[in-house]
Amino acid sequence: MWFGMAAAIGNTIAAGIVYTPGDVARQLPRVWLFLGIWIVGGLYALCGASSMAELGAAIPRSGGQYNFSRRALGEYAGFIVGWSDWLSTCGTAAAVALVISEYSGHLFPILAGPQKLKIISIAIIAGFGVLQWRGIRWGSGAQLLTAGLKTGAFVILVAAAFLMGGAAHKAAAQSTVAMPLPVGWPLAIAIMLGLQAVIYTVDGWDGVIYFGEEVRDPGRNVPRAILGSVLSIIGIYLLLNLIALYIVPINQIAGDTFVLGTVANRVFGSLGDPIIRSIMVISMLSCLNANQLFCSRTLYSMSADGLFFRQATKVNPGGTPTIALLLSTMAGIIFVIWPFQRVIAMLSFFFVANYALSYTSVFALRKREPELRRPYRAWGYPWLTGVALVASVLFLIGSILTDQKNAPLALGMLVLSYPVYRLMKFASRPGVPAS
């Protein structure tokens, strides 16, 4: 259970919490709206957590949501979920490595510079690849350590802000300036964009499902890890946003791309920036380790089911899927060398689409496989599962209406995915020679 929570917390709480509050406050510059969006995003995750726990306990396979969609909705649905998940996770690993390198350059000027940024990022991704190559114990140990350090650091930051930030709070109260709030359709768009940012930042609470085959007693520990992860992540995010509102007026949070840095500067003075950047480096190392664990398991599972080259099912004596890890590490390095920001933006559309397919899978499996052993059953079914599904669908519709730049391209990728699916099915047939 603790490893599952460490994977989820390590993956989720990273760079997003630094810039997302500023983005949300810019869209919705009112304290009640600002906090309300974070609460709604947390409730969305909480509504879906129990359904995801049922799937993870009933189908304890490594590889994430791919396994649920494939079993309930067919191979093509599984393929879409698996490939979008794998590519976006590899891209996220690259983005996190770049931010780690950038922050390291601020802490140690000798490491600063565009070329050094990429070299350090590649070295970090490759280093975690080598660490995980050693075996499951090495990767899981690193995850437990880094997740524990980051959680402790954020708790200390929250406590220090409330205990030492009295003067900054008084100054914030005196310098608050009301900002104009959009009305009508612009307000609806602002709410959708704010909710989109929050959901993307909260995403990752289901990290344990990527290790279903590696968790002892999954029927008991997978649900506990998922529910514990959701509650921990929501709690940490709300506390961090509360200290931001306590120390910095909402009009100054709006548009700030380093909100926690601003908080730390006002609490700790000149030491604030290096303190928060050090915390974020530890936080993002945990995120990067988790991402590489996730993407290698997804590719391994797809290969085992004949949706990728069969060689990617090779596992070393330490329990690591070596070929899948190698390909995932190489993909992350490619994203660093040749940034695919637009591709990642498109793939982010699939985050919620994958959740929608997973919640649909709960209904499909309850109907098609009523005899399936379910050590844990979703509480509130079918109502809460239905709420999570409807919320996901409405979110996707809202994204299509408000994000004319990336959502249509994501739909285009969905259309083009079918020929790739057929090609992979052909290439992975037993009679086709390995290449």
Protein backbone atom coordinates (compact mmCIF):
# COMPACT_ATOMS: atom_id res chain seq x y z
CA MET A 1 0.00 0.00 0.00
CA TRP A 2 2.74 2.44 0.95
CA PHE A 3 4.59 1.89 -2.33
CA GLY A 4 1.37 2.45 -4.27
CA MET A 5 0.78 5.71 -2.46
CA ALA A 6 4.41 6.73 -2.93
CA ALA A 7 4.10 6.11 -6.68
CA ALA A 8 0.91 8.15 -6.93
CA ILE A 9 2.08 11.04 -4.73
CA GLY A 10 5.50 11.04 -6.38
CA ASN A 11 3.97 11.16 -9.84
CA THR A 12 1.27 13.71 -9.09
CA ILE A 13 2.81 16.38 -6.87
CA ALA A 14 5.43 17.96 -9.09
CA ALA A 15 5.87 21.09 -11.22
CA GLY A 16 2.12 21.55 -11.71
CA ILE A 17 1.54 22.88 -8.21
CA VAL A 18 4.08 25.66 -8.89
CA TYR A 19 2.41 27.26 -11.91
CA THR A 20 -1.20 25.97 -11.87
CA PRO A 21 -2.37 28.22 -8.98
CA GLY A 22 -1.23 31.30 -10.91
CA ASP A 23 -3.01 30.09 -14.03
CA VAL A 24 -6.26 29.34 -12.17
CA ALA A 25 -6.18 32.67 -10.31
CA ARG A 26 -5.65 34.51 -13.59
CA GLN A 27 -8.77 32.86 -15.02
CA LEU A 28 -10.83 33.17 -11.81
CA PRO A 29 -9.51 36.00 -9.58
CA ARG A 30 -11.87 35.40 -6.65
CA VAL A 31 -10.88 33.40 -3.56
CA TRP A 32 -14.12 31.38 -3.48
CA LEU A 33 -13.91 30.52 -7.17
CA PHE A 34 -10.20 29.76 -6.91
CA LEU A 35 -10.63 27.32 -4.03
CA GLY A 36 -13.89 25.99 -5.49
CA ILE A 37 -12.18 24.84 -8.68
CA TRP A 38 -9.57 22.93 -6.67
CA ILE A 39 -12.30 21.32 -4.57
CA VAL A 40 -14.33 20.33 -7.66
CA GLY A 41 -11.21 18.80 -9.24
CA GLY A 42 -10.58 16.85 -6.05
CA LEU A 43 -14.19 15.66 -5.87
CA TYR A 44 -13.96 14.48 -9.49
CA ALA A 45 -10.94 12.37 -8.58
CA LEU A 46 -12.65 11.11 -5.41
CA CYS A 47 -15.80 10.08 -7.31
CA GLY A 48 -13.72 8.01 -9.71
CA ALA A 49 -11.31 6.58 -7.13
CA SER A 50 -13.66 3.90 -5.84
CA SER A 51 -14.49 2.68 -9.37
CA MET A 52 -10.81 2.58 -10.29
CA ALA A 53 -10.14 0.66 -7.09
CA GLU A 54 -12.70 -1.97 -8.10
CA LEU A 55 -11.01 -2.42 -11.48
CA GLY A 56 -7.51 -2.50 -10.01
CA ALA A 57 -8.47 -5.13 -7.42
CA ALA A 58 -10.40 -7.30 -9.91
CA ILE A 59 -7.77 -7.08 -12.72
CA PRO A 60 -4.40 -6.91 -10.91
CA ARG A 61 -2.15 -6.55 -13.97
CA SER A 62 0.73 -4.14 -14.43
CA GLY A 63 0.23 -1.49 -17.10
CA GLY A 64 -2.45 0.89 -15.87
CA GLN A 65 -5.85 1.68 -17.33
CA TYR A 66 -4.95 -0.06 -20.58
CA ASN A 67 -5.82 -3.43 -19.02
CA PHE A 68 -9.31 -2.36 -18.00
CA SER A 69 -10.33 -0.92 -21.37
CA ARG A 70 -8.90 -3.87 -23.28
CA ARG A 71 -10.78 -6.44 -21.22
CA ALA A 72 -14.09 -4.58 -21.08
CA LEU A 73 -14.23 -2.75 -24.42
CA GLY A 74 -11.92 -4.66 -26.75
CA GLU A 75 -8.36 -4.51 -28.06
CA TYR A 76 -8.69 -1.31 -30.07
CA ALA A 77 -9.99 0.66 -27.07
CA GLY A 78 -7.15 -0.80 -25.03
CA PHE A 79 -4.66 0.15 -27.72
CA ILE A 80 -5.82 3.79 -27.74
CA VAL A 81 -5.56 4.01 -23.96
CA GLY A 82 -2.20 2.23 -23.82
CA TRP A 83 -0.46 4.18 -26.55
CA SER A 84 -1.73 7.61 -25.49
CA ASP A 85 -0.80 6.79 -21.90
CA TRP A 86 2.69 5.56 -22.83
CA LEU A 87 3.54 8.50 -25.09
CA SER A 88 2.20 11.15 -22.71
CA THR A 89 4.01 9.56 -19.76
CA CYS A 90 7.32 9.46 -21.66
CA GLY A 91 6.79 13.08 -22.66
CA THR A 92 5.99 14.04 -19.09
CA ALA A 93 9.22 12.40 -17.93
CA ALA A 94 11.14 14.56 -20.41
CA ALA A 95 9.33 17.74 -19.34
CA VAL A 96 10.02 16.99 -15.68
CA ALA A 97 13.71 16.33 -16.39
CA LEU A 98 13.97 19.69 -18.17
CA VAL A 99 12.41 21.51 -15.19
CA ILE A 100 14.77 19.70 -12.79
CA SER A 101 17.71 20.87 -14.90
CA GLU A 102 16.38 24.43 -15.05
CA TYR A 103 15.93 24.61 -11.27
CA SER A 104 19.36 23.05 -10.76
CA GLY A 105 20.80 25.84 -12.91
CA HIS A 106 19.21 28.42 -10.61
CA LEU A 107 20.66 26.69 -7.54
CA PHE A 108 24.10 26.12 -9.08
CA PRO A 109 24.95 28.65 -11.83
CA ILE A 110 27.68 26.37 -13.21
CA LEU A 111 24.87 24.08 -14.43
CA ALA A 112 22.95 26.85 -16.23
CA GLY A 113 22.77 27.25 -20.00
CA PRO A 114 20.65 25.86 -22.89
CA GLN A 115 23.08 23.11 -23.88
CA LYS A 116 23.77 22.05 -20.30
CA LEU A 117 20.01 21.99 -19.73
CA LYS A 118 19.52 19.24 -22.30
CA ILE A 119 22.66 17.31 -21.32
CA ILE A 120 21.65 17.25 -17.65
CA SER A 121 18.08 16.28 -18.56
CA ILE A 122 19.27 13.36 -20.67
CA ALA A 123 21.66 12.28 -17.91
CA ILE A 124 18.84 12.33 -15.33
CA ILE A 125 16.49 10.23 -17.49
CA ALA A 126 19.28 7.77 -18.32
CA GLY A 127 20.34 7.63 -14.66
CA PHE A 128 16.88 6.62 -13.48
CA GLY A 129 16.74 4.10 -16.32
CA VAL A 130 19.95 2.48 -15.02
CA LEU A 131 18.63 2.58 -11.44
CA GLN A 132 15.43 0.78 -12.40
CA TRP A 133 17.34 -1.68 -14.60
CA ARG A 134 18.87 -3.05 -11.40
CA GLY A 135 15.47 -4.40 -10.36
CA ILE A 136 12.13 -3.67 -8.74
CA ARG A 137 13.64 -3.12 -5.29
CA TRP A 138 15.85 -0.29 -6.53
CA GLY A 139 13.04 1.54 -8.32
CA SER A 140 10.55 1.07 -5.49
CA GLY A 141 13.12 2.05 -2.85
CA ALA A 142 13.92 5.28 -4.71
CA GLN A 143 10.20 6.01 -4.98
CA LEU A 144 9.52 5.49 -1.29
CA LEU A 145 12.49 7.68 -0.32
CA THR A 146 11.79 10.60 -2.67
CA ALA A 147 8.02 10.58 -2.02
CA GLY A 148 8.63 10.61 1.74
CA LEU A 149 11.10 13.48 1.47
CA LYS A 150 8.81 15.60 -0.71
CA THR A 151 5.75 15.03 1.49
CA GLY A 152 7.71 15.95 4.61
CA ALA A 153 9.14 19.05 2.92
CA PHE A 154 5.70 20.32 1.88
CA VAL A 155 4.28 19.71 5.36
CA ILE A 156 7.15 21.72 6.87
CA LEU A 157 6.56 24.50 4.30
CA VAL A 158 2.85 24.68 5.18
CA ALA A 159 3.56 24.75 8.93
CA ALA A 160 6.25 27.41 8.52
CA ALA A 161 3.99 29.61 6.41
CA PHE A 162 1.22 29.62 9.00
CA LEU A 163 3.58 29.97 11.98
CA MET A 164 6.00 32.53 10.54
CA GLY A 165 3.91 34.29 7.92
CA GLY A 166 1.87 36.62 10.14
CA ALA A 167 3.54 39.80 8.87
CA ALA A 168 3.27 38.70 5.25
CA HIS A 169 -0.43 37.90 5.80
CA LYS A 170 -1.12 41.41 7.14
CA ALA A 171 0.73 42.94 4.18
CA ALA A 172 -1.25 40.76 1.77
CA ALA A 173 -4.56 41.85 3.31
CA GLN A 174 -3.60 45.51 2.84
CA SER A 175 -2.44 45.11 -0.79
CA THR A 176 -5.38 43.12 -2.13
CA VAL A 177 -6.85 44.71 -5.26
CA ALA A 178 -10.09 43.47 -6.82
CA MET A 179 -9.63 42.20 -10.37
CA PRO A 180 -12.42 42.11 -12.98
CA LEU A 181 -14.27 38.80 -13.20
CA PRO A 182 -15.60 37.65 -16.59
CA VAL A 183 -19.35 37.13 -16.92
CA GLY A 184 -21.52 34.97 -19.15
CA TRP A 185 -19.82 32.76 -21.73
CA PRO A 186 -16.29 34.09 -20.96
CA LEU A 187 -16.84 33.04 -17.33
CA ALA A 188 -17.91 29.56 -18.47
CA ILE A 189 -14.75 29.30 -20.58
CA ALA A 190 -12.61 30.51 -17.66
CA ILE A 191 -14.16 27.89 -15.36
CA MET A 192 -13.53 25.15 -17.94
CA LEU A 193 -9.91 26.21 -18.49
CA GLY A 194 -9.33 26.45 -14.74
CA LEU A 195 -10.88 23.04 -14.15
CA GLN A 196 -8.82 21.62 -17.02
CA ALA A 197 -5.62 22.87 -15.38
CA VAL A 198 -6.61 21.46 -11.97
CA ILE A 199 -7.60 18.04 -13.31
CA TYR A 200 -4.31 17.74 -15.20
CA THR A 201 -2.44 18.75 -12.04
CA VAL A 202 -4.33 16.24 -9.85
CA ASP A 203 -4.02 13.44 -12.42
CA GLY A 204 -1.85 10.54 -11.27
CA TRP A 205 -3.70 9.53 -8.08
CA ASP A 206 -4.22 6.02 -9.51
CA GLY A 207 -0.49 5.28 -9.82
CA VAL A 208 -0.68 1.90 -8.06
CA ILE A 209 -2.64 0.33 -10.95
CA TYR A 210 0.56 0.33 -13.02
CA PHE A 211 1.99 -2.29 -10.64
CA GLY A 212 -0.96 -4.64 -10.14
CA GLU A 213 1.13 -7.79 -10.67
CA GLU A 214 3.84 -6.55 -8.30
CA VAL A 215 1.61 -5.61 -5.34
CA ARG A 216 1.14 -8.13 -2.56
CA ASP A 217 -2.54 -8.88 -1.85
CA PRO A 218 -3.81 -6.51 -4.58
CA GLY A 219 -7.45 -7.11 -3.64
CA ARG A 220 -6.76 -5.35 -0.35
CA ASN A 221 -3.81 -3.05 -1.02
CA VAL A 222 -4.74 -1.58 -4.43
CA PRO A 223 -8.02 0.01 -3.17
CA ARG A 224 -6.31 1.24 0.00
CA ALA A 225 -3.48 2.78 -2.00
CA ILE A 226 -5.84 4.50 -4.47
CA LEU A 227 -8.13 5.97 -1.84
CA GLY A 228 -5.18 6.94 0.37
CA SER A 229 -3.46 8.60 -2.59
CA VAL A 230 -6.52 10.65 -3.59
CA LEU A 231 -7.11 11.93 -0.06
CA SER A 232 -3.40 12.69 0.48
CA ILE A 233 -3.02 14.55 -2.83
CA ILE A 234 -6.20 16.59 -2.36
CA GLY A 235 -5.17 17.44 1.20
CA ILE A 236 -1.64 18.53 0.22
CA TYR A 237 -2.87 20.63 -2.73
CA LEU A 238 -5.54 22.38 -0.67
CA LEU A 239 -3.03 23.17 2.08
CA LEU A 240 -0.51 24.56 -0.43
CA ASN A 241 -3.19 26.75 -2.02
CA LEU A 242 -4.37 27.92 1.40
CA ILE A 243 -0.86 29.06 2.37
CA ALA A 244 -0.60 30.84 -0.99
CA LEU A 245 -3.83 32.73 -0.25
CA TYR A 246 -2.68 33.39 3.33
CA ILE A 247 0.65 34.92 2.29
CA VAL A 248 -0.05 36.43 -1.16
CA PRO A 249 -3.15 38.39 -2.28
CA ILE A 250 -5.19 36.73 -5.03
CA ASN A 251 -4.42 39.54 -7.49
CA GLN A 252 -0.69 38.83 -7.11
CA ILE A 253 -1.15 35.06 -7.37
CA ALA A 254 -2.87 35.61 -10.73
CA GLY A 255 -0.37 34.99 -13.51
CA ASP A 256 2.50 34.10 -11.14
CA THR A 257 4.37 31.15 -12.64
CA PHE A 258 6.23 30.38 -9.40
CA VAL A 259 3.63 30.88 -6.68
CA LEU A 260 5.28 28.67 -4.07
CA GLY A 261 8.53 30.53 -4.67
CA THR A 262 6.76 33.82 -3.94
CA VAL A 263 5.32 32.32 -0.74
CA ALA A 264 8.76 31.05 0.35
CA ASN A 265 10.39 34.42 -0.36
CA ARG A 266 7.90 36.24 1.85
CA VAL A 267 8.24 33.73 4.67
CA PHE A 268 11.99 32.99 4.59
CA GLY A 269 13.34 36.11 2.86
CA SER A 270 16.35 35.63 0.58
CA LEU A 271 16.54 31.93 1.47
CA GLY A 272 13.01 31.32 0.16
CA ASP A 273 13.88 30.81 -3.49
CA PRO A 274 16.67 28.23 -2.97
CA ILE A 275 14.55 26.43 -0.34
CA ILE A 276 11.52 26.01 -2.58
CA ARG A 277 13.62 25.12 -5.64
CA SER A 278 15.40 22.42 -3.62
CA ILE A 279 12.04 21.04 -2.48
CA MET A 280 10.78 21.05 -6.08
CA VAL A 281 13.89 19.25 -7.37
CA ILE A 282 13.30 16.45 -4.84
CA SER A 283 9.61 16.48 -5.75
CA MET A 284 10.28 16.18 -9.46
CA LEU A 285 12.92 13.47 -9.06
CA SER A 286 10.17 11.42 -7.43
CA CYS A 287 7.84 12.27 -10.31
CA LEU A 288 10.40 11.27 -12.93
CA ASN A 289 11.13 7.95 -11.25
CA ALA A 290 7.40 7.19 -11.08
CA ASN A 291 6.85 8.13 -14.73
CA GLN A 292 9.55 5.78 -15.94
CA LEU A 293 8.13 3.00 -13.78
CA PHE A 294 4.69 3.63 -15.30
CA CYS A 295 5.60 3.78 -18.98
CA SER A 296 7.75 0.65 -18.94
CA ARG A 297 4.89 -1.34 -17.34
CA THR A 298 2.37 -0.07 -19.91
CA LEU A 299 4.56 -1.08 -22.84
CA TYR A 300 5.32 -4.46 -21.24
CA SER A 301 1.62 -5.23 -20.78
CA MET A 302 0.73 -4.23 -24.34
CA SER A 303 3.51 -6.44 -25.69
CA ALA A 304 2.31 -9.39 -23.61
CA ASP A 305 -1.14 -8.96 -25.21
CA GLY A 306 0.17 -8.80 -28.78
CA LEU A 307 -0.21 -5.05 -29.31
CA PHE A 308 3.53 -4.35 -29.51
CA PHE A 309 6.69 -6.28 -30.37
CA ARG A 310 6.98 -9.46 -28.32
CA GLN A 311 10.59 -8.71 -27.29
CA ALA A 312 9.32 -6.00 -24.94
CA THR A 313 8.03 -8.72 -22.57
CA LYS A 314 11.57 -9.68 -21.52
CA VAL A 315 12.10 -9.33 -17.76
CA ASN A 316 15.49 -9.50 -16.01
CA PRO A 317 16.16 -11.44 -12.78
CA GLY A 318 15.44 -8.29 -10.77
CA GLY A 319 11.90 -8.15 -12.14
CA THR A 320 12.41 -5.19 -14.49
CA PRO A 321 10.91 -5.28 -18.04
CA THR A 322 14.24 -4.39 -19.64
CA ILE A 323 13.30 -3.82 -23.30
CA ALA A 324 10.20 -1.85 -22.32
CA LEU A 325 12.31 0.24 -19.94
CA LEU A 326 14.98 0.82 -22.61
CA LEU A 327 12.41 1.97 -25.19
CA SER A 328 10.67 4.20 -22.66
CA THR A 329 13.98 5.77 -21.61
CA MET A 330 14.90 6.36 -25.25
CA ALA A 331 11.50 7.94 -25.92
CA GLY A 332 11.98 10.31 -22.97
CA ILE A 333 15.42 11.31 -24.29
CA ILE A 334 13.95 11.95 -27.76
CA PHE A 335 11.34 14.25 -26.21
CA VAL A 336 14.18 16.17 -24.54
CA ILE A 337 16.23 16.51 -27.73
CA TRP A 338 13.28 17.29 -29.97
CA PRO A 339 10.52 18.79 -27.80
CA PHE A 340 7.01 17.66 -28.74
CA GLN A 341 5.10 20.25 -26.70
CA ARG A 342 2.22 20.26 -29.18
CA VAL A 343 2.03 16.48 -29.18
CA ILE A 344 1.97 16.43 -25.37
CA ALA A 345 -0.77 19.06 -25.37
CA MET A 346 -2.80 16.87 -27.70
CA LEU A 347 -2.17 13.74 -25.68
CA SER A 348 -3.27 15.52 -22.50
CA PHE A 349 -6.76 15.48 -24.02
CA PHE A 350 -6.65 11.69 -23.66
CA PHE A 351 -6.05 11.84 -19.88
CA VAL A 352 -9.73 12.39 -19.18
CA ALA A 353 -10.78 10.28 -22.18
CA ASN A 354 -8.92 7.35 -20.61
CA TYR A 355 -10.74 7.90 -17.34
CA ALA A 356 -14.05 7.96 -19.22
CA LEU A 357 -13.23 4.61 -20.81
CA SER A 358 -12.24 3.16 -17.43
CA TYR A 359 -15.51 4.21 -15.82
CA THR A 360 -17.36 2.78 -18.80
CA SER A 361 -15.41 -0.44 -18.22
CA VAL A 362 -16.88 -0.73 -14.71
CA PHE A 363 -20.40 -0.79 -16.17
CA ALA A 364 -19.40 -3.12 -19.03
CA LEU A 365 -17.67 -5.65 -16.76
CA ARG A 366 -20.50 -5.64 -14.21
CA LYS A 367 -22.84 -6.62 -17.05
CA ARG A 368 -20.61 -8.98 -19.07
CA GLU A 369 -18.69 -10.63 -16.25
CA PRO A 370 -20.91 -10.64 -13.15
CA GLU A 371 -19.02 -13.70 -11.89
CA LEU A 372 -15.65 -11.90 -11.97
CA ARG A 373 -14.03 -11.99 -8.54
CA ARG A 374 -14.22 -8.49 -7.09
CA PRO A 375 -12.37 -8.26 -3.76
CA TYR A 376 -13.48 -4.64 -3.61
CA ARG A 377 -16.69 -3.18 -4.99
CA ALA A 378 -17.08 0.51 -5.80
CA TRP A 379 -19.14 2.28 -3.17
CA GLY A 380 -21.99 4.32 -4.55
CA TYR A 381 -22.21 2.20 -7.70
CA PRO A 382 -23.82 2.93 -10.14
CA TRP A 383 -24.44 6.52 -9.05
CA LEU A 384 -20.94 7.74 -8.21
CA THR A 385 -19.45 5.81 -11.13
CA GLY A 386 -22.08 7.45 -13.33
CA VAL A 387 -21.26 10.89 -11.94
CA ALA A 388 -17.54 10.36 -12.69
CA LEU A 389 -18.36 9.16 -16.22
CA VAL A 390 -20.76 12.02 -16.98
CA ALA A 391 -18.28 14.55 -15.55
CA SER A 392 -15.54 13.11 -17.80
CA VAL A 393 -17.75 13.30 -20.90
CA LEU A 394 -18.85 16.86 -20.11
CA PHE A 395 -15.23 17.82 -19.53
CA LEU A 396 -14.24 16.41 -22.92
CA ILE A 397 -17.09 18.25 -24.65
CA GLY A 398 -16.06 21.44 -22.87
CA SER A 399 -12.44 20.92 -23.94
CA ILE A 400 -13.47 20.52 -27.58
CA LEU A 401 -15.54 23.71 -27.41
CA THR A 402 -12.93 25.81 -25.59
CA ASP A 403 -9.60 24.38 -26.79
CA GLN A 404 -9.79 24.81 -30.56
CA LYS A 405 -6.01 24.51 -30.83
CA ASN A 406 -5.31 21.05 -29.44
CA ALA A 407 -8.57 19.10 -29.06
CA PRO A 408 -9.30 18.78 -32.83
CA LEU A 409 -5.77 17.50 -33.41
CA ALA A 410 -6.28 14.97 -30.62
CA LEU A 411 -9.41 13.76 -32.38
CA GLY A 412 -7.39 13.52 -35.59
CA MET A 413 -4.82 11.38 -33.79
CA LEU A 414 -7.66 9.13 -32.69
CA VAL A 415 -8.70 8.57 -36.31
CA LEU A 416 -5.12 7.88 -37.41
CA SER A 417 -4.57 5.42 -34.56
CA TYR A 418 -6.52 2.62 -36.23
CA PRO A 419 -4.00 1.88 -39.04
CA VAL A 420 -1.19 1.94 -36.43
CA TYR A 421 -3.19 -0.54 -34.35
CA ARG A 422 -3.56 -2.90 -37.32
CA LEU A 423 0.16 -2.61 -38.10
CA MET A 424 1.12 -3.48 -34.52
CA LYS A 425 -1.26 -6.43 -34.50
CA PHE A 426 0.41 -7.74 -37.67
CA ALA A 427 3.97 -7.10 -36.46
CA SER A 428 3.38 -8.90 -33.15
CA ARG A 429 1.87 -12.08 -34.64
CA PRO A 430 3.78 -15.26 -33.68
CA GLY A 431 4.60 -15.99 -37.31
CA VAL A 432 6.12 -12.58 -38.03
CA PRO A 433 9.92 -12.48 -37.54
CA ALA A 434 11.17 -10.09 -34.87
CA SER A 435 12.92 -7.01 -36.16
